[in-house]
C-alpha atoms as a PDB file:
ATOM      1  CA  MET A   1      10.460 -17.216 -11.237  1.00  0.00           C
ATOM      2  CA  SER A   2      10.037 -20.530  -9.380  1.00  0.00           C
ATOM      3  CA  TYR A   3       8.334 -18.938  -6.363  1.00  0.00           C
ATOM      4  CA  ASN A   4       5.270 -20.527  -4.812  1.00  0.00           C
ATOM      5  CA  VAL A   5       2.862 -17.563  -4.690  1.00  0.00           C
ATOM      6  CA  ILE A   6      -0.347 -17.541  -2.644  1.00  0.00           C
ATOM      7  CA  ALA A   7      -2.823 -14.652  -2.822  1.00  0.00           C
ATOM      8  CA  PHE A   8      -5.222 -13.919   0.053  1.00  0.00           C
ATOM      9  CA  ASP A   9      -8.303 -11.809  -0.638  1.00  0.00           C
ATOM     10  CA  ILE A  10     -11.704 -11.260   0.927  1.00  0.00           C
ATOM     11  CA  GLU A  11     -13.267 -11.159  -2.582  1.00  0.00           C
ATOM     12  CA  PRO A  12     -10.939 -12.941  -5.030  1.00  0.00           C
ATOM     13  CA  GLU A  13     -13.641 -13.838  -7.544  1.00  0.00           C
ATOM     14  CA  PRO A  14     -13.086 -10.921  -9.987  1.00  0.00           C
ATOM     15  CA  TYR A  15      -9.482 -11.926 -10.732  1.00  0.00           C
ATOM     16  CA  ILE A  16      -9.299 -15.604  -9.764  1.00  0.00           C
ATOM     17  CA  LYS A  17      -9.039 -16.781 -13.403  1.00  0.00           C
ATOM     18  CA  ILE A  18      -6.095 -14.446 -14.040  1.00  0.00           C
ATOM     19  CA  ALA A  19      -4.366 -15.625 -10.840  1.00  0.00           C
ATOM     20  CA  LYS A  20      -4.766 -19.279 -11.774  1.00  0.00           C
ATOM     21  CA  ALA A  21      -3.492 -18.573 -15.297  1.00  0.00           C
ATOM     22  CA  CYS A  22      -0.359 -17.119 -13.667  1.00  0.00           C
ATOM     23  CA  ASP A  23      -0.012 -20.206 -11.430  1.00  0.00           C
ATOM     24  CA  VAL A  24      -0.932 -18.221  -8.313  1.00  0.00           C
ATOM     25  CA  SER A  25      -2.927 -20.045  -5.637  1.00  0.00           C
ATOM     26  CA  VAL A  26      -5.843 -18.015  -4.284  1.00  0.00           C
ATOM     27  CA  VAL A  27      -7.317 -18.262  -0.787  1.00  0.00           C
ATOM     28  CA  LYS A  28     -10.572 -16.498   0.140  1.00  0.00           C
ATOM     29  CA  CYS A  29      -9.740 -14.880   3.450  1.00  0.00           C
ATOM     30  CA  ASP A  30     -10.913 -12.075   5.729  1.00  0.00           C
ATOM     31  CA  LEU A  31      -7.647 -10.882   7.246  1.00  0.00           C
ATOM     32  CA  GLU A  32      -9.416  -9.442  10.282  1.00  0.00           C
ATOM     33  CA  ARG A  33     -11.136 -12.723  11.149  1.00  0.00           C
ATOM     34  CA  ASP A  34      -9.232 -15.622   9.566  1.00  0.00           C
ATOM     35  CA  GLU A  35      -5.778 -17.071  10.102  1.00  0.00           C
ATOM     36  CA  LEU A  36      -3.562 -17.329   7.022  1.00  0.00           C
ATOM     37  CA  GLY A  37      -2.774 -20.988   7.648  1.00  0.00           C
ATOM     38  CA  ILE A  38       0.829 -20.923   6.422  1.00  0.00           C
ATOM     39  CA  THR A  39       4.222 -20.716   8.117  1.00  0.00           C
ATOM     40  CA  LYS A  40       7.819 -20.151   7.046  1.00  0.00           C
ATOM     41  CA  ALA A  41       7.062 -17.988   4.042  1.00  0.00           C
ATOM     42  CA  ASP A  42      10.018 -16.015   2.678  1.00  0.00           C
ATOM     43  CA  CYS A  43       8.125 -12.814   1.915  1.00  0.00           C
ATOM     44  CA  ALA A  44       4.736 -11.176   2.436  1.00  0.00           C
ATOM     45  CA  VAL A  45       3.607  -8.470   0.009  1.00  0.00           C
ATOM     46  CA  PHE A  46       1.012  -6.264   1.719  1.00  0.00           C
ATOM     47  CA  THR A  47       0.336  -3.499  -0.794  1.00  0.00           C
ATOM     48  CA  GLU A  48      -2.623  -1.128  -0.669  1.00  0.00           C
ATOM     49  CA  VAL A  49      -4.380  -3.194   2.012  1.00  0.00           C
ATOM     50  CA  LEU A  50      -3.539  -1.541   5.332  1.00  0.00           C
ATOM     51  CA  GLU A  51      -5.846   1.408   4.646  1.00  0.00           C
ATOM     52  CA  HIS A  52      -8.817  -0.950   4.128  1.00  0.00           C
ATOM     53  CA  GLN A  53      -8.448  -2.593   7.547  1.00  0.00           C
ATOM     54  CA  HIS A  54     -10.239  -1.384  10.664  1.00  0.00           C
ATOM     55  CA  TYR A  55      -7.622   0.393  12.777  1.00  0.00           C
ATOM     56  CA  TYR A  56      -8.532  -1.690  15.850  1.00  0.00           C
ATOM     57  CA  TYR A  57      -7.504  -4.843  13.978  1.00  0.00           C
ATOM     58  CA  VAL A  58      -4.446  -3.570  12.093  1.00  0.00           C
ATOM     59  CA  PRO A  59      -1.968  -4.832  14.753  1.00  0.00           C
ATOM     60  CA  ILE A  60      -3.713  -8.215  14.707  1.00  0.00           C
ATOM     61  CA  VAL A  61      -3.461  -8.442  10.911  1.00  0.00           C
ATOM     62  CA  LEU A  62       0.238  -7.519  10.977  1.00  0.00           C
ATOM     63  CA  ALA A  63       0.809 -10.099  13.724  1.00  0.00           C
ATOM     64  CA  LYS A  64      -0.820 -12.764  11.510  1.00  0.00           C
ATOM     65  CA  ILE A  65       1.538 -11.812   8.696  1.00  0.00           C
ATOM     66  CA  ASN A  66       4.464 -12.054  11.100  1.00  0.00           C
ATOM     67  CA  ARG A  67       3.417 -15.576  12.129  1.00  0.00           C
ATOM     68  CA  CYS A  68       3.248 -16.735   8.510  1.00  0.00           C
ATOM     69  CA  LEU A  69       6.877 -15.665   7.862  1.00  0.00           C
ATOM     70  CA  LYS A  70      10.031 -17.559   8.692  1.00  0.00           C
ATOM     71  CA  GLN A  71      12.591 -15.838  10.936  1.00  0.00           C
ATOM     72  CA  GLU A  72      14.226 -13.026   8.933  1.00  0.00           C
ATOM     73  CA  GLY A  73      11.320 -13.235   6.458  1.00  0.00           C
ATOM     74  CA  VAL A  74      10.542  -9.979   4.657  1.00  0.00           C
ATOM     75  CA  LEU A  75       7.421  -7.812   4.701  1.00  0.00           C
ATOM     76  CA  ILE A  76       6.871  -5.357   1.824  1.00  0.00           C
ATOM     77  CA  LEU A  77       4.131  -2.882   2.695  1.00  0.00           C
ATOM     78  CA  THR A  78       2.724   0.083   0.776  1.00  0.00           C
ATOM     79  CA  THR A  79      -0.099   2.416   1.741  1.00  0.00           C
ATOM     80  CA  PRO A  80      -1.309   5.936   0.859  1.00  0.00           C
ATOM     81  CA  ASN A  81       0.309   8.856   2.679  1.00  0.00           C
ATOM     82  CA  ILE A  82      -2.326  10.871   4.568  1.00  0.00           C
ATOM     83  CA  ALA A  83       0.210  13.742   4.774  1.00  0.00           C
ATOM     84  CA  SER A  84       0.667  13.964   0.993  1.00  0.00           C
ATOM     85  CA  LEU A  85       0.360  17.324  -0.754  1.00  0.00           C
ATOM     86  CA  PHE A  86      -2.977  16.520  -2.372  1.00  0.00           C
ATOM     87  CA  ARG A  87      -4.484  15.189   0.881  1.00  0.00           C
ATOM     88  CA  ARG A  88      -3.400  18.408   2.639  1.00  0.00           C
ATOM     89  CA  LEU A  89      -4.872  20.587  -0.114  1.00  0.00           C
ATOM     90  CA  ARG A  90      -8.192  18.734   0.001  1.00  0.00           C
ATOM     91  CA  LEU A  91      -8.363  19.219   3.755  1.00  0.00           C
ATOM     92  CA  LEU A  92      -7.599  22.949   3.417  1.00  0.00           C
ATOM     93  CA  LEU A  93     -10.477  23.206   0.947  1.00  0.00           C
ATOM     94  CA  GLY A  94     -12.801  21.485   3.397  1.00  0.00           C
ATOM     95  CA  ILE A  95     -12.938  18.268   1.354  1.00  0.00           C
ATOM     96  CA  GLN A  96     -12.605  14.860   2.994  1.00  0.00           C
ATOM     97  CA  PRO A  97      -8.982  13.890   2.256  1.00  0.00           C
ATOM     98  CA  ILE A  98      -9.405  10.140   2.720  1.00  0.00           C
ATOM     99  CA  TYR A  99     -10.489   8.080  -0.272  1.00  0.00           C
ATOM    100  CA  GLU A 100     -14.079   6.887   0.181  1.00  0.00           C
ATOM    101  CA  TYR A 101     -13.219   3.165   0.294  1.00  0.00           C
ATOM    102  CA  HIS A 102     -10.431   3.583   2.853  1.00  0.00           C
ATOM    103  CA  VAL A 103     -11.093   3.084   6.546  1.00  0.00           C
ATOM    104  CA  ARG A 104      -8.047   5.053   7.672  1.00  0.00           C
ATOM    105  CA  GLU A 105      -4.882   6.411   6.097  1.00  0.00           C
ATOM    106  CA  TYR A 106      -1.511   6.792   7.799  1.00  0.00           C
ATOM    107  CA  THR A 107       1.635   8.866   8.124  1.00  0.00           C
ATOM    108  CA  MET A 108       5.075   7.314   7.734  1.00  0.00           C
ATOM    109  CA  ASN A 109       5.614   7.417  11.522  1.00  0.00           C
ATOM    110  CA  ASP A 110       2.297   5.591  12.065  1.00  0.00           C
ATOM    111  CA  VAL A 111       3.262   2.778   9.693  1.00  0.00           C
ATOM    112  CA  ILE A 112       6.763   2.354  11.121  1.00  0.00           C
ATOM    113  CA  ALA A 113       5.376   2.222  14.680  1.00  0.00           C
ATOM    114  CA  LEU A 114       2.777  -0.424  13.714  1.00  0.00           C
ATOM    115  CA  VAL A 115       5.354  -2.572  11.932  1.00  0.00           C
ATOM    116  CA  ARG A 116       7.857  -2.396  14.798  1.00  0.00           C
ATOM    117  CA  ALA A 117       5.157  -3.169  17.374  1.00  0.00           C
ATOM    118  CA  THR A 118       4.385  -6.458  15.613  1.00  0.00           C
ATOM    119  CA  GLY A 119       7.884  -7.967  15.619  1.00  0.00           C
ATOM    120  CA  PHE A 120       9.529  -6.401  12.570  1.00  0.00           C
ATOM    121  CA  ASP A 121      12.711  -4.415  12.083  1.00  0.00           C
ATOM    122  CA  VAL A 122      12.464  -1.750   9.397  1.00  0.00           C
ATOM    123  CA  ILE A 123      15.069  -2.238   6.662  1.00  0.00           C
ATOM    124  CA  LYS A 124      13.929   0.594   4.432  1.00  0.00           C
ATOM    125  CA  ALA A 125      11.162   3.211   4.559  1.00  0.00           C
ATOM    126  CA  TYR A 126      10.599   5.828   1.886  1.00  0.00           C
ATOM    127  CA  TYR A 127       8.020   7.846  -0.042  1.00  0.00           C
ATOM    128  CA  SER A 128       7.573   6.540  -3.586  1.00  0.00           C
ATOM    129  CA  ILE A 129       6.939   8.958  -6.427  1.00  0.00           C
ATOM    130  CA  VAL A 130       5.153   6.373  -8.587  1.00  0.00           C
ATOM    131  CA  ASN A 131       1.567   7.428  -7.759  1.00  0.00           C
ATOM    132  CA  ASP A 132       2.391  11.089  -8.356  1.00  0.00           C
ATOM    133  CA  LEU A 133       3.426  10.126 -11.881  1.00  0.00           C
ATOM    134  CA  MET A 134       0.839   7.472 -12.651  1.00  0.00           C
ATOM    135  CA  LEU A 135      -2.458   8.612 -11.105  1.00  0.00           C
ATOM    136  CA  ILE A 136      -3.420  10.849 -13.998  1.00  0.00           C
ATOM    137  CA  ASP A 137      -6.008  11.062 -16.777  1.00  0.00           C
ATOM    138  CA  ALA A 138      -4.334   9.338 -19.725  1.00  0.00           C
ATOM    139  CA  GLU A 139      -4.890   6.735 -22.396  1.00  0.00           C
ATOM    140  CA  PRO A 140      -3.642   3.199 -21.607  1.00  0.00           C
ATOM    141  CA  GLU A 141      -0.803   3.405 -24.142  1.00  0.00           C
ATOM    142  CA  ASP A 142       0.376   6.688 -22.580  1.00  0.00           C
ATOM    143  CA  TYR A 143       0.707   5.085 -19.149  1.00  0.00           C
ATOM    144  CA  LEU A 144       3.292   2.701 -20.579  1.00  0.00           C
ATOM    145  CA  ARG A 145       5.472   5.648 -21.602  1.00  0.00           C
ATOM    146  CA  ILE A 146       5.509   7.471 -18.248  1.00  0.00           C
ATOM    147  CA  SER A 147       8.856   7.329 -16.482  1.00  0.00           C
ATOM    148  CA  SER A 148       9.747  10.949 -15.770  1.00  0.00           C
ATOM    149  CA  PHE A 149       8.480  14.502 -15.295  1.00  0.00           C
ATOM    150  CA  LYS A 150       9.076  15.138 -19.004  1.00  0.00           C
ATOM    151  CA  ASP A 151       6.550  12.399 -19.856  1.00  0.00           C
ATOM    152  CA  LEU A 152       4.062  13.927 -17.417  1.00  0.00           C
ATOM    153  CA  VAL A 153       4.410  17.321 -19.120  1.00  0.00           C
ATOM    154  CA  LYS A 154       3.830  15.747 -22.557  1.00  0.00           C
ATOM    155  CA  ILE A 155       0.617  14.100 -21.360  1.00  0.00           C
ATOM    156  CA  ALA A 156      -0.599  17.343 -19.728  1.00  0.00           C
ATOM    157  CA  ILE A 157      -0.058  19.171 -23.040  1.00  0.00           C
ATOM    158  CA  LYS A 158      -1.725  16.402 -25.029  1.00  0.00           C
ATOM    159  CA  LYS A 159      -4.650  16.129 -22.600  1.00  0.00           C
ATOM    160  CA  PRO A 160      -4.921  19.275 -20.435  1.00  0.00           C
ATOM    161  CA  ALA A 161      -7.385  17.818 -17.927  1.00  0.00           C
ATOM    162  CA  LYS A 162      -7.467  19.449 -14.484  1.00  0.00           C
ATOM    163  CA  LEU A 163      -5.889  16.410 -12.817  1.00  0.00           C
ATOM    164  CA  ASN A 164      -3.002  16.310 -15.305  1.00  0.00           C
ATOM    165  CA  ILE A 165      -2.278  20.024 -14.896  1.00  0.00           C
ATOM    166  CA  LEU A 166      -2.364  19.756 -11.085  1.00  0.00           C
ATOM    167  CA  ARG A 167      -0.049  16.730 -11.095  1.00  0.00           C
ATOM    168  CA  THR A 168       2.394  18.539 -13.398  1.00  0.00           C
ATOM    169  CA  MET A 169       2.382  21.667 -11.239  1.00  0.00           C
ATOM    170  CA  ALA A 170       2.821  19.679  -8.023  1.00  0.00           C
ATOM    171  CA  TYR A 171       5.607  17.421  -9.280  1.00  0.00           C
ATOM    172  CA  PRO A 172       8.546  19.816  -8.619  1.00  0.00           C
ATOM    173  CA  VAL A 173       7.299  20.316  -5.049  1.00  0.00           C
ATOM    174  CA  ILE A 174       6.910  16.619  -4.214  1.00  0.00           C
ATOM    175  CA  LYS A 175      10.228  15.877  -5.943  1.00  0.00           C
ATOM    176  CA  LEU A 176      11.900  18.387  -3.613  1.00  0.00           C
ATOM    177  CA  ILE A 177       9.947  17.343  -0.476  1.00  0.00           C
ATOM    178  CA  PRO A 178       9.488  13.536  -0.515  1.00  0.00           C
ATOM    179  CA  SER A 179       7.187  13.523   2.544  1.00  0.00           C
ATOM    180  CA  LEU A 180       4.512  15.179   0.362  1.00  0.00           C
ATOM    181  CA  ARG A 181       4.390  12.219  -2.037  1.00  0.00           C
ATOM    182  CA  GLN A 182       1.324  10.002  -2.162  1.00  0.00           C
ATOM    183  CA  LEU A 183       2.751   6.566  -1.387  1.00  0.00           C
ATOM    184  CA  ILE A 184       4.510   5.164   1.686  1.00  0.00           C
ATOM    185  CA  VAL A 185       6.746   2.112   1.215  1.00  0.00           C
ATOM    186  CA  VAL A 186       8.126   0.099   4.142  1.00  0.00           C
ATOM    187  CA  VAL A 187      10.336  -2.968   3.828  1.00  0.00           C
ATOM    188  CA  ALA A 188      10.830  -4.843   7.098  1.00  0.00           C
ATOM    189  CA  ARG A 189      12.363  -8.068   8.427  1.00  0.00           C
ATOM    190  CA  LYS A 190      10.801 -10.380  11.006  1.00  0.00           C
ATOM    191  CA  ILE A 191      12.970 -10.383  14.123  1.00  0.00           C
ATOM    192  CA  ALA A 192      10.548 -11.605  16.800  1.00  0.00           C
ATOM    193  CA  LYS A 193       7.263 -13.407  17.232  1.00  0.00           C
ATOM    194  CA  PRO A 194       4.285 -11.130  17.841  1.00  0.00           C
ATOM    195  CA  THR A 195       2.972 -11.031  21.404  1.00  0.00           C
ATOM    196  CA  LEU A 196      -0.393  -9.409  20.700  1.00  0.00           C
ATOM    197  CA  LYS A 197      -3.545 -11.161  21.857  1.00  0.00           C
ATOM    198  CA  LYS A 198      -6.559 -11.287  19.555  1.00  0.00           C
ATOM    199  CA  PRO A 199      -9.305  -8.976  20.916  1.00  0.00           C
ATOM    200  CA  SER A 200     -12.956  -9.899  20.880  1.00  0.00           C
ATOM    201  CA  ARG A 201     -14.775  -8.348  17.934  1.00  0.00           C
ATOM    202  CA  TRP A 202     -17.075  -5.449  18.709  1.00  0.00           C
ATOM    203  CA  GLY A 203     -20.834  -5.719  18.598  1.00  0.00           C
END
């Protein structure tokens, strides 16, 4: 679509050939330690990354993203919702609710506060239903057909795995109460330069 796309990743090797085939430049980068090295970007897409960052460095990482954007540049951020229905149920059952590879997960209020503290104005913030539909036990071709609760029911009937049944049962609840959905989405606009100072790394 004529955009110049640059991907930053601490371990880009597994998908670097795919990125290059799609004309995407790839930069090996540790967001907690390295600067991004670009300025005046139109948009930063920060999806499913926040929860992998050490909480102490999250404001620093968001400040780096702010500095790489032009004024009024847009940040699109997604992250799991620690207050989702399934996280709450796991906690009630005495099971660790946070996914094993995540450092910390957040509530909507947490994410909005972090974004605003690093020079952004929130344009839109909502709970997406996509993970509640898609994170199921299904064949690849079935994933392509999922777009509604009706499709979820069909898959649960076709493959009555525990996960599929639970997702189907939970769907009416999370449809009615969006704050119980699994995914937080925040779209924000850069309105100021970040004023945070980089802390010294522990240890």
